[in-house]
């Protein structure tokens, strides 16, 4: 039943217009509606994921280079692992590169 409401509401908001509800929802005039249903091809391949005897999950990434977008990639692993195993995952990066470490320490 919820799907029926989703479709109806999406159809309503996809129409042209600039009413008060749209301005409150989006904070301004809509310039473009973007596709929300994207084909998903992913290969979540974390370097190592283990469960320890206390039941906690740990992911270790072995990294040999400073990589732009590394924090976002780790966030992707985190959300995948939490949705798969249903619990928090402690993430650790073991940096083995020659260059000084400049990886992002998080994603905001």
PDB file of N, CA and C in Angstrom:
ATOM      1  N   UNK A   1       0.814  -1.189   0.000  1.00  0.00           N
ATOM      2  CA  UNK A   1       0.000   0.000   0.000  1.00  0.00           C
ATOM      3  C   UNK A   1       0.866   1.265   0.000  1.00  0.00           C
ATOM      4  N   UNK A   2       1.968   1.253   0.732  1.00  0.00           N
ATOM      5  CA  UNK A   2       2.844   2.422   0.777  1.00  0.00           C
ATOM      6  C   UNK A   2       3.361   2.761  -0.619  1.00  0.00           C
ATOM      7  N   UNK A   3       3.618   1.742  -1.424  1.00  0.00           N
ATOM      8  CA  UNK A   3       4.109   1.973  -2.782  1.00  0.00           C
ATOM      9  C   UNK A   3       3.111   2.806  -3.589  1.00  0.00           C
ATOM     10  N   UNK A   4       1.833   2.542  -3.394  1.00  0.00           N
ATOM     11  CA  UNK A   4       0.792   3.278  -4.112  1.00  0.00           C
ATOM     12  C   UNK A   4       0.856   4.767  -3.759  1.00  0.00           C
ATOM     13  N   UNK A   5       1.065   5.079  -2.487  1.00  0.00           N
ATOM     14  CA  UNK A   5       1.182   6.480  -2.076  1.00  0.00           C
ATOM     15  C   UNK A   5       2.459   7.100  -2.630  1.00  0.00           C
ATOM     16  N   UNK A   6       3.536   6.374  -2.624  1.00  0.00           N
ATOM     17  CA  UNK A   6       4.794   6.883  -3.188  1.00  0.00           C
ATOM     18  C   UNK A   6       4.603   7.294  -4.641  1.00  0.00           C
ATOM     19  N   UNK A   7       3.991   6.425  -5.427  1.00  0.00           N
ATOM     20  CA  UNK A   7       3.785   6.704  -6.848  1.00  0.00           C
ATOM     21  C   UNK A   7       2.897   7.931  -7.024  1.00  0.00           C
ATOM     22  N   UNK A   8       1.828   8.022  -6.257  1.00  0.00           N
ATOM     23  CA  UNK A   8       0.912   9.161  -6.369  1.00  0.00           C
ATOM     24  C   UNK A   8       1.604  10.465  -5.996  1.00  0.00           C
ATOM     25  N   UNK A   9       2.337  10.457  -4.893  1.00  0.00           N
ATOM     26  CA  UNK A   9       3.022  11.675  -4.460  1.00  0.00           C
ATOM     27  C   UNK A   9       4.117  12.080  -5.434  1.00  0.00           C
ATOM     28  N   UNK A  10       4.875  11.115  -5.930  1.00  0.00           N
ATOM     29  CA  UNK A  10       5.919  11.441  -6.917  1.00  0.00           C
ATOM     30  C   UNK A  10       5.303  12.060  -8.162  1.00  0.00           C
ATOM     31  N   UNK A  11       4.192  11.495  -8.622  1.00  0.00           N
ATOM     32  CA  UNK A  11       3.509  12.023  -9.802  1.00  0.00           C
ATOM     33  C   UNK A  11       3.054  13.456  -9.561  1.00  0.00           C
ATOM     34  N   UNK A  12       2.521  13.712  -8.387  1.00  0.00           N
ATOM     35  CA  UNK A  12       2.061  15.051  -8.036  1.00  0.00           C
ATOM     36  C   UNK A  12       3.224  16.049  -8.056  1.00  0.00           C
ATOM     37  N   UNK A  13       4.351  15.669  -7.474  1.00  0.00           N
ATOM     38  CA  UNK A  13       5.477  16.589  -7.382  1.00  0.00           C
ATOM     39  C   UNK A  13       6.310  16.679  -8.658  1.00  0.00           C
ATOM     40  N   UNK A  14       6.123  15.758  -9.591  1.00  0.00           N
ATOM     41  CA  UNK A  14       6.820  15.839 -10.870  1.00  0.00           C
ATOM     42  C   UNK A  14       6.169  16.858 -11.814  1.00  0.00           C
ATOM     43  N   UNK A  15       4.950  17.250 -11.509  1.00  0.00           N
ATOM     44  CA  UNK A  15       4.274  18.267 -12.325  1.00  0.00           C
ATOM     45  C   UNK A  15       4.997  19.597 -12.177  1.00  0.00           C
ATOM     46  N   UNK A  16       4.863  20.422 -13.207  1.00  0.00           N
ATOM     47  CA  UNK A  16       5.441  21.764 -13.127  1.00  0.00           C
ATOM     48  C   UNK A  16       4.691  22.580 -12.088  1.00  0.00           C
ATOM     49  N   UNK A  17       5.380  23.524 -11.520  1.00  0.00           N
ATOM     50  CA  UNK A  17       4.752  24.403 -10.544  1.00  0.00           C
ATOM     51  C   UNK A  17       5.770  24.877  -9.530  1.00  0.00           C
ATOM     52  N   UNK A  18       5.382  25.888  -8.788  1.00  0.00           N
ATOM     53  CA  UNK A  18       6.288  26.473  -7.805  1.00  0.00           C
ATOM     54  C   UNK A  18       5.499  26.879  -6.568  1.00  0.00           C
ATOM     55  N   UNK A  19       4.704  25.956  -6.042  1.00  0.00           N
ATOM     56  CA  UNK A  19       3.867  26.253  -4.896  1.00  0.00           C
ATOM     57  C   UNK A  19       4.649  26.306  -3.594  1.00  0.00           C
ATOM     58  N   UNK A  20       3.947  26.671  -2.535  1.00  0.00           N
ATOM     59  CA  UNK A  20       4.575  26.837  -1.226  1.00  0.00           C
ATOM     60  C   UNK A  20       5.161  25.520  -0.708  1.00  0.00           C
ATOM     61  N   UNK A  21       4.491  24.399  -0.965  1.00  0.00           N
ATOM     62  CA  UNK A  21       5.005  23.115  -0.480  1.00  0.00           C
ATOM     63  C   UNK A  21       6.336  22.796  -1.157  1.00  0.00           C
ATOM     64  N   UNK A  22       6.415  23.022  -2.457  1.00  0.00           N
ATOM     65  CA  UNK A  22       7.673  22.782  -3.183  1.00  0.00           C
ATOM     66  C   UNK A  22       8.796  23.668  -2.639  1.00  0.00           C
ATOM     67  N   UNK A  23       8.483  24.932  -2.419  1.00  0.00           N
ATOM     68  CA  UNK A  23       9.518  25.848  -1.913  1.00  0.00           C
ATOM     69  C   UNK A  23       9.992  25.426  -0.524  1.00  0.00           C
ATOM     70  N   UNK A  24       9.071  24.936   0.316  1.00  0.00           N
ATOM     71  CA  UNK A  24       9.452  24.482   1.664  1.00  0.00           C
ATOM     72  C   UNK A  24      10.256  23.187   1.585  1.00  0.00           C
ATOM     73  N   UNK A  25       9.865  22.271   0.728  1.00  0.00           N
ATOM     74  CA  UNK A  25      10.568  20.989   0.604  1.00  0.00           C
ATOM     75  C   UNK A  25      11.970  21.152   0.034  1.00  0.00           C
ATOM     76  N   UNK A  26      12.081  21.961  -1.009  1.00  0.00           N
ATOM     77  CA  UNK A  26      13.336  22.016  -1.757  1.00  0.00           C
ATOM     78  C   UNK A  26      14.152  23.279  -1.478  1.00  0.00           C
ATOM     79  N   UNK A  27      13.590  24.245  -0.778  1.00  0.00           N
ATOM     80  CA  UNK A  27      14.341  25.447  -0.446  1.00  0.00           C
ATOM     81  C   UNK A  27      14.547  26.377  -1.619  1.00  0.00           C
ATOM     82  N   UNK A  28      13.821  26.189  -2.676  1.00  0.00           N
ATOM     83  CA  UNK A  28      13.945  27.044  -3.851  1.00  0.00           C
ATOM     84  C   UNK A  28      13.196  26.435  -5.015  1.00  0.00           C
ATOM     85  N   UNK A  29      13.255  27.120  -6.143  1.00  0.00           N
ATOM     86  CA  UNK A  29      12.561  26.650  -7.343  1.00  0.00           C
ATOM     87  C   UNK A  29      13.290  25.456  -7.944  1.00  0.00           C
ATOM     88  N   UNK A  30      12.551  24.447  -8.358  1.00  0.00           N
ATOM     89  CA  UNK A  30      13.131  23.241  -8.959  1.00  0.00           C
ATOM     90  C   UNK A  30      13.610  23.575 -10.364  1.00  0.00           C
ATOM     91  N   UNK A  31      14.872  23.297 -10.634  1.00  0.00           N
ATOM     92  CA  UNK A  31      15.437  23.521 -11.963  1.00  0.00           C
ATOM     93  C   UNK A  31      15.350  22.273 -12.820  1.00  0.00           C
ATOM     94  N   UNK A  32      15.419  21.098 -12.181  1.00  0.00           N
ATOM     95  CA  UNK A  32      15.485  19.862 -12.944  1.00  0.00           C
ATOM     96  C   UNK A  32      15.129  18.691 -12.036  1.00  0.00           C
ATOM     97  N   UNK A  33      14.395  17.736 -12.559  1.00  0.00           N
ATOM     98  CA  UNK A  33      14.124  16.486 -11.850  1.00  0.00           C
ATOM     99  C   UNK A  33      15.156  15.469 -12.317  1.00  0.00           C
ATOM    100  N   UNK A  34      15.859  14.858 -11.388  1.00  0.00           N
ATOM    101  CA  UNK A  34      16.908  13.902 -11.719  1.00  0.00           C
ATOM    102  C   UNK A  34      16.391  12.481 -11.572  1.00  0.00           C
ATOM    103  N   UNK A  35      16.970  11.570 -12.325  1.00  0.00           N
ATOM    104  CA  UNK A  35      16.571  10.167 -12.258  1.00  0.00           C
ATOM    105  C   UNK A  35      16.886   9.617 -10.868  1.00  0.00           C
ATOM    106  N   UNK A  36      15.929   8.902 -10.293  1.00  0.00           N
ATOM    107  CA  UNK A  36      16.146   8.316  -8.964  1.00  0.00           C
ATOM    108  C   UNK A  36      16.326   6.811  -9.028  1.00  0.00           C
ATOM    109  N   UNK A  37      15.960   6.219 -10.125  1.00  0.00           N
ATOM    110  CA  UNK A  37      16.123   4.781 -10.283  1.00  0.00           C
ATOM    111  C   UNK A  37      17.284   4.545 -11.234  1.00  0.00           C
ATOM    112  N   UNK A  38      18.418   4.253 -10.659  1.00  0.00           N
ATOM    113  CA  UNK A  38      19.644   4.062 -11.417  1.00  0.00           C
ATOM    114  C   UNK A  38      19.970   2.579 -11.480  1.00  0.00           C
ATOM    115  N   UNK A  39      20.468   2.112 -12.612  1.00  0.00           N
ATOM    116  CA  UNK A  39      20.938   0.725 -12.628  1.00  0.00           C
ATOM    117  C   UNK A  39      22.111   0.609 -11.667  1.00  0.00           C
ATOM    118  N   UNK A  40      22.150  -0.453 -10.909  1.00  0.00           N
ATOM    119  CA  UNK A  40      23.216  -0.593  -9.920  1.00  0.00           C
ATOM    120  C   UNK A  40      24.097  -1.780 -10.272  1.00  0.00           C
ATOM    121  N   UNK A  41      25.335  -1.461 -10.541  1.00  0.00           N
ATOM    122  CA  UNK A  41      26.333  -2.491 -10.757  1.00  0.00           C
ATOM    123  C   UNK A  41      27.431  -2.192  -9.757  1.00  0.00           C
ATOM    124  N   UNK A  42      27.590  -3.074  -8.807  1.00  0.00           N
ATOM    125  CA  UNK A  42      28.620  -2.821  -7.803  1.00  0.00           C
ATOM    126  C   UNK A  42      29.286  -4.131  -7.426  1.00  0.00           C
ATOM    127  N   UNK A  43      30.505  -3.988  -7.025  1.00  0.00           N
ATOM    128  CA  UNK A  43      31.267  -5.132  -6.568  1.00  0.00           C
ATOM    129  C   UNK A  43      31.937  -4.705  -5.266  1.00  0.00           C
ATOM    130  N   UNK A  44      31.211  -4.873  -4.170  1.00  0.00           N
ATOM    131  CA  UNK A  44      31.739  -4.485  -2.873  1.00  0.00           C
ATOM    132  C   UNK A  44      32.772  -5.510  -2.443  1.00  0.00           C
ATOM    133  N   UNK A  45      34.018  -5.133  -2.567  1.00  0.00           N
ATOM    134  CA  UNK A  45      35.092  -6.066  -2.279  1.00  0.00           C
ATOM    135  C   UNK A  45      36.064  -5.428  -1.284  1.00  0.00           C
ATOM    136  N   UNK A  46      35.652  -5.428  -0.042  1.00  0.00           N
ATOM    137  CA  UNK A  46      36.545  -4.939   1.007  1.00  0.00           C
ATOM    138  C   UNK A  46      37.735  -5.889   1.099  1.00  0.00           C
ATOM    139  N   UNK A  47      38.882  -5.369   1.482  1.00  0.00           N
ATOM    140  CA  UNK A  47      40.085  -6.212   1.539  1.00  0.00           C
ATOM    141  C   UNK A  47      39.953  -7.335   2.561  1.00  0.00           C
ATOM    142  N   UNK A  48      39.455  -7.014   3.746  1.00  0.00           N
ATOM    143  CA  UNK A  48      39.314  -8.043   4.768  1.00  0.00           C
ATOM    144  C   UNK A  48      38.215  -7.650   5.742  1.00  0.00           C
ATOM    145  N   UNK A  49      37.322  -8.577   6.029  1.00  0.00           N
ATOM    146  CA  UNK A  49      36.280  -8.375   7.038  1.00  0.00           C
ATOM    147  C   UNK A  49      36.290  -9.593   7.938  1.00  0.00           C
ATOM    148  N   UNK A  50      36.362  -9.347   9.249  1.00  0.00           N
ATOM    149  CA  UNK A  50      36.388 -10.454  10.209  1.00  0.00           C
ATOM    150  C   UNK A  50      35.407 -10.185  11.335  1.00  0.00           C
ATOM    151  N   UNK A  51      34.959 -11.256  11.962  1.00  0.00           N
ATOM    152  CA  UNK A  51      34.182 -11.163  13.199  1.00  0.00           C
ATOM    153  C   UNK A  51      35.080 -11.700  14.297  1.00  0.00           C
ATOM    154  N   UNK A  52      35.263 -10.940  15.350  1.00  0.00           N
ATOM    155  CA  UNK A  52      36.112 -11.366  16.458  1.00  0.00           C
ATOM    156  C   UNK A  52      35.295 -12.160  17.473  1.00  0.00           C
ATOM    157  N   UNK A  53      35.975 -12.766  18.417  1.00  0.00           N
ATOM    158  CA  UNK A  53      35.294 -13.631  19.387  1.00  0.00           C
ATOM    159  C   UNK A  53      34.269 -12.881  20.236  1.00  0.00           C
ATOM    160  N   UNK A  54      34.409 -11.558  20.363  1.00  0.00           N
ATOM    161  CA  UNK A  54      33.406 -10.794  21.120  1.00  0.00           C
ATOM    162  C   UNK A  54      32.204 -10.421  20.256  1.00  0.00           C
ATOM    163  N   UNK A  55      32.198 -10.867  18.991  1.00  0.00           N
ATOM    164  CA  UNK A  55      31.061 -10.636  18.102  1.00  0.00           C
ATOM    165  C   UNK A  55      31.145  -9.382  17.259  1.00  0.00           C
ATOM    166  N   UNK A  56      32.178  -8.573  17.456  1.00  0.00           N
ATOM    167  CA  UNK A  56      32.273  -7.335  16.683  1.00  0.00           C
ATOM    168  C   UNK A  56      32.836  -7.602  15.287  1.00  0.00           C
ATOM    169  N   UNK A  57      32.443  -6.730  14.362  1.00  0.00           N
ATOM    170  CA  UNK A  57      32.925  -6.821  12.985  1.00  0.00           C
ATOM    171  C   UNK A  57      34.014  -5.793  12.748  1.00  0.00           C
ATOM    172  N   UNK A  58      35.028  -6.203  12.007  1.00  0.00           N
ATOM    173  CA  UNK A  58      36.142  -5.319  11.675  1.00  0.00           C
ATOM    174  C   UNK A  58      36.446  -5.433  10.194  1.00  0.00           C
ATOM    175  N   UNK A  59      36.631  -4.287   9.556  1.00  0.00           N
ATOM    176  CA  UNK A  59      37.057  -4.240   8.162  1.00  0.00           C
ATOM    177  C   UNK A  59      38.444  -3.623   8.125  1.00  0.00           C
ATOM    178  N   UNK A  60      39.332  -4.228   7.375  1.00  0.00           N
ATOM    179  CA  UNK A  60      40.675  -3.677   7.185  1.00  0.00           C
ATOM    180  C   UNK A  60      40.879  -3.442   5.699  1.00  0.00           C
ATOM    181  N   UNK A  61      41.307  -2.241   5.350  1.00  0.00           N
ATOM    182  CA  UNK A  61      41.671  -1.913   3.971  1.00  0.00           C
ATOM    183  C   UNK A  61      43.170  -1.705   3.923  1.00  0.00           C
ATOM    184  N   UNK A  62      43.815  -2.383   2.990  1.00  0.00           N
ATOM    185  CA  UNK A  62      45.247  -2.213   2.750  1.00  0.00           C
ATOM    186  C   UNK A  62      45.378  -1.205   1.611  1.00  0.00           C
ATOM    187  N   UNK A  63      45.989  -0.083   1.889  1.00  0.00           N
ATOM    188  CA  UNK A  63      46.039   1.004   0.917  1.00  0.00           C
ATOM    189  C   UNK A  63      47.489   1.350   0.617  1.00  0.00           C
ATOM    190  N   UNK A  64      47.824   1.442  -0.669  1.00  0.00           N
ATOM    191  CA  UNK A  64      49.212   1.724  -1.052  1.00  0.00           C
ATOM    192  C   UNK A  64      49.375   3.084  -1.713  1.00  0.00           C
ATOM    193  N   UNK A  65      48.285   3.823  -1.875  1.00  0.00           N
ATOM    194  CA  UNK A  65      48.372   5.141  -2.513  1.00  0.00           C
ATOM    195  C   UNK A  65      47.321   6.060  -1.919  1.00  0.00           C
ATOM    196  N   UNK A  66      47.607   7.352  -1.985  1.00  0.00           N
ATOM    197  CA  UNK A  66      46.617   8.348  -1.617  1.00  0.00           C
ATOM    198  C   UNK A  66      45.592   8.396  -2.754  1.00  0.00           C
ATOM    199  N   UNK A  67      44.353   8.229  -2.420  1.00  0.00           N
ATOM    200  CA  UNK A  67      43.298   8.084  -3.432  1.00  0.00           C
ATOM    201  C   UNK A  67      42.216   9.128  -3.213  1.00  0.00           C
ATOM    202  N   UNK A  68      41.957   9.966  -4.204  1.00  0.00           N
ATOM    203  CA  UNK A  68      40.850  10.912  -4.061  1.00  0.00           C
ATOM    204  C   UNK A  68      39.536  10.145  -3.872  1.00  0.00           C
ATOM    205  N   UNK A  69      38.683  10.638  -3.006  1.00  0.00           N
ATOM    206  CA  UNK A  69      37.396   9.990  -2.772  1.00  0.00           C
ATOM    207  C   UNK A  69      37.467   8.763  -1.883  1.00  0.00           C
ATOM    208  N   UNK A  70      38.586   8.552  -1.218  1.00  0.00           N
ATOM    209  CA  UNK A  70      38.756   7.363  -0.382  1.00  0.00           C
ATOM    210  C   UNK A  70      37.713   7.307   0.737  1.00  0.00           C
ATOM    211  N   UNK A  71      37.424   8.456   1.364  1.00  0.00           N
ATOM    212  CA  UNK A  71      36.429   8.486   2.445  1.00  0.00           C
ATOM    213  C   UNK A  71      35.057   8.038   1.967  1.00  0.00           C
ATOM    214  N   UNK A  72      34.682   8.447   0.770  1.00  0.00           N
ATOM    215  CA  UNK A  72      33.397   8.043   0.212  1.00  0.00           C
ATOM    216  C   UNK A  72      33.377   6.544  -0.090  1.00  0.00           C
ATOM    217  N   UNK A  73      34.496   6.012  -0.574  1.00  0.00           N
ATOM    218  CA  UNK A  73      34.575   4.568  -0.828  1.00  0.00           C
ATOM    219  C   UNK A  73      34.416   3.787   0.480  1.00  0.00           C
ATOM    220  N   UNK A  74      35.063   4.254   1.552  1.00  0.00           N
ATOM    221  CA  UNK A  74      34.936   3.594   2.847  1.00  0.00           C
ATOM    222  C   UNK A  74      33.500   3.690   3.376  1.00  0.00           C
ATOM    223  N   UNK A  75      32.857   4.825   3.143  1.00  0.00           N
ATOM    224  CA  UNK A  75      31.458   4.972   3.538  1.00  0.00           C
ATOM    225  C   UNK A  75      30.590   3.957   2.796  1.00  0.00           C
ATOM    226  N   UNK A  76      30.876   3.743   1.521  1.00  0.00           N
ATOM    227  CA  UNK A  76      30.149   2.737   0.748  1.00  0.00           C
ATOM    228  C   UNK A  76      30.327   1.345   1.324  1.00  0.00           C
ATOM    229  N   UNK A  77      31.567   1.003   1.691  1.00  0.00           N
ATOM    230  CA  UNK A  77      31.808  -0.291   2.326  1.00  0.00           C
ATOM    231  C   UNK A  77      31.033  -0.392   3.638  1.00  0.00           C
ATOM    232  N   UNK A  78      31.066   0.689   4.406  1.00  0.00           N
ATOM    233  CA  UNK A  78      30.401   0.670   5.708  1.00  0.00           C
ATOM    234  C   UNK A  78      28.901   0.410   5.555  1.00  0.00           C
ATOM    235  N   UNK A  79      28.253   1.168   4.676  1.00  0.00           N
ATOM    236  CA  UNK A  79      26.805   0.989   4.522  1.00  0.00           C
ATOM    237  C   UNK A  79      26.478  -0.395   3.976  1.00  0.00           C
ATOM    238  N   UNK A  80      27.290  -0.895   3.073  1.00  0.00           N
ATOM    239  CA  UNK A  80      27.072  -2.251   2.549  1.00  0.00           C
ATOM    240  C   UNK A  80      27.206  -3.292   3.662  1.00  0.00           C
ATOM    241  N   UNK A  81      28.272  -3.183   4.451  1.00  0.00           N
ATOM    242  CA  UNK A  81      28.513  -4.173   5.497  1.00  0.00           C
ATOM    243  C   UNK A  81      27.465  -4.107   6.600  1.00  0.00           C
ATOM    244  N   UNK A  82      27.060  -2.903   6.985  1.00  0.00           N
ATOM    245  CA  UNK A  82      26.022  -2.778   8.017  1.00  0.00           C
ATOM    246  C   UNK A  82      24.700  -3.342   7.506  1.00  0.00           C
ATOM    247  N   UNK A  83      24.362  -3.074   6.257  1.00  0.00           N
ATOM    248  CA  UNK A  83      23.100  -3.615   5.739  1.00  0.00           C
ATOM    249  C   UNK A  83      23.174  -5.131   5.569  1.00  0.00           C
ATOM    250  N   UNK A  84      24.351  -5.671   5.322  1.00  0.00           N
ATOM    251  CA  UNK A  84      24.509  -7.114   5.164  1.00  0.00           C
ATOM    252  C   UNK A  84      24.512  -7.838   6.502  1.00  0.00           C
ATOM    253  N   UNK A  85      25.257  -7.306   7.483  1.00  0.00           N
ATOM    254  CA  UNK A  85      25.438  -8.000   8.758  1.00  0.00           C
ATOM    255  C   UNK A  85      24.610  -7.428   9.908  1.00  0.00           C
ATOM    256  N   UNK A  86      23.995  -6.264   9.693  1.00  0.00           N
ATOM    257  CA  UNK A  86      23.100  -5.706  10.689  1.00  0.00           C
ATOM    258  C   UNK A  86      23.760  -5.184  11.948  1.00  0.00           C
ATOM    259  N   UNK A  87      25.023  -4.804  11.842  1.00  0.00           N
ATOM    260  CA  UNK A  87      25.689  -4.238  13.020  1.00  0.00           C
ATOM    261  C   UNK A  87      26.822  -3.316  12.593  1.00  0.00           C
ATOM    262  N   UNK A  88      27.262  -2.509  13.543  1.00  0.00           N
ATOM    263  CA  UNK A  88      28.362  -1.574  13.323  1.00  0.00           C
ATOM    264  C   UNK A  88      29.621  -2.325  12.898  1.00  0.00           C
ATOM    265  N   UNK A  89      30.415  -1.701  12.047  1.00  0.00           N
ATOM    266  CA  UNK A  89      31.674  -2.274  11.584  1.00  0.00           C
ATOM    267  C   UNK A  89      32.798  -1.297  11.918  1.00  0.00           C
ATOM    268  N   UNK A  90      33.808  -1.774  12.620  1.00  0.00           N
ATOM    269  CA  UNK A  90      34.987  -0.961  12.908  1.00  0.00           C
ATOM    270  C   UNK A  90      35.874  -1.000  11.671  1.00  0.00           C
ATOM    271  N   UNK A  91      36.191   0.172  11.126  1.00  0.00           N
ATOM    272  CA  UNK A  91      36.994   0.235   9.916  1.00  0.00           C
ATOM    273  C   UNK A  91      38.403   0.717  10.241  1.00  0.00           C
ATOM    274  N   UNK A  92      39.385   0.027   9.682  1.00  0.00           N
ATOM    275  CA  UNK A  92      40.782   0.388   9.869  1.00  0.00           C
ATOM    276  C   UNK A  92      41.466   0.390   8.516  1.00  0.00           C
ATOM    277  N   UNK A  93      42.322   1.381   8.296  1.00  0.00           N
ATOM    278  CA  UNK A  93      43.105   1.443   7.071  1.00  0.00           C
ATOM    279  C   UNK A  93      44.569   1.242   7.436  1.00  0.00           C
ATOM    280  N   UNK A  94      45.201   0.286   6.779  1.00  0.00           N
ATOM    281  CA  UNK A  94      46.628   0.066   6.943  1.00  0.00           C
ATOM    282  C   UNK A  94      47.297   0.639   5.704  1.00  0.00           C
ATOM    283  N   UNK A  95      47.931   1.793   5.876  1.00  0.00           N
ATOM    284  CA  UNK A  95      48.538   2.497   4.745  1.00  0.00           C
ATOM    285  C   UNK A  95      49.971   2.032   4.576  1.00  0.00           C
ATOM    286  N   UNK A  96      50.278   1.542   3.382  1.00  0.00           N
ATOM    287  CA  UNK A  96      51.599   0.988   3.087  1.00  0.00           C
ATOM    288  C   UNK A  96      52.305   1.754   1.977  1.00  0.00           C
ATOM    289  N   UNK A  97      51.829   2.940   1.655  1.00  0.00           N
ATOM    290  CA  UNK A  97      52.375   3.705   0.535  1.00  0.00           C
ATOM    291  C   UNK A  97      53.695   4.379   0.846  1.00  0.00           C
ATOM    292  N   UNK A  98      54.405   4.740  -0.219  1.00  0.00           N
ATOM    293  CA  UNK A  98      55.686   5.458  -0.089  1.00  0.00           C
ATOM    294  C   UNK A  98      55.470   6.945   0.151  1.00  0.00           C
ATOM    295  N   UNK A  99      54.446   7.492  -0.453  1.00  0.00           N
ATOM    296  CA  UNK A  99      54.133   8.916  -0.292  1.00  0.00           C
ATOM    297  C   UNK A  99      53.630   9.170   1.131  1.00  0.00           C
ATOM    298  N   UNK A 100      53.792  10.395   1.630  1.00  0.00           N
ATOM    299  CA  UNK A 100      53.197  10.713   2.938  1.00  0.00           C
ATOM    300  C   UNK A 100      51.680  10.517   2.895  1.00  0.00           C
ATOM    301  N   UNK A 101      51.142  10.042   3.972  1.00  0.00           N
ATOM    302  CA  UNK A 101      49.711   9.773   4.070  1.00  0.00           C
ATOM    303  C   UNK A 101      48.910  11.061   3.952  1.00  0.00           C
ATOM    304  N   UNK A 102      48.003  11.094   2.971  1.00  0.00           N
ATOM    305  CA  UNK A 102      47.105  12.239   2.788  1.00  0.00           C
ATOM    306  C   UNK A 102      45.675  11.795   2.575  1.00  0.00           C
ATOM    307  N   UNK A 103      45.336  10.585   2.985  1.00  0.00           N
ATOM    308  CA  UNK A 103      43.963  10.099   2.842  1.00  0.00           C
ATOM    309  C   UNK A 103      43.023  10.863   3.764  1.00  0.00           C
ATOM    310  N   UNK A 104      41.778  11.005   3.315  1.00  0.00           N
ATOM    311  CA  UNK A 104      40.774  11.616   4.164  1.00  0.00           C
ATOM    312  C   UNK A 104      40.548  10.750   5.384  1.00  0.00           C
ATOM    313  N   UNK A 105      40.373  11.365   6.530  1.00  0.00           N
ATOM    314  CA  UNK A 105      40.139  10.582   7.746  1.00  0.00           C
ATOM    315  C   UNK A 105      38.664  10.305   7.976  1.00  0.00           C
ATOM    316  N   UNK A 106      37.819  10.869   7.135  1.00  0.00           N
ATOM    317  CA  UNK A 106      36.388  10.638   7.268  1.00  0.00           C
ATOM    318  C   UNK A 106      35.650  11.246   6.097  1.00  0.00           C
ATOM    319  N   UNK A 107      34.349  11.113   6.119  1.00  0.00           N
ATOM    320  CA  UNK A 107      33.513  11.666   5.064  1.00  0.00           C
ATOM    321  C   UNK A 107      32.440  12.519   5.705  1.00  0.00           C
ATOM    322  N   UNK A 108      32.278  13.736   5.199  1.00  0.00           N
ATOM    323  CA  UNK A 108      31.236  14.631   5.727  1.00  0.00           C
ATOM    324  C   UNK A 108      30.339  15.061   4.589  1.00  0.00           C
TER     325      UNK A 108
END
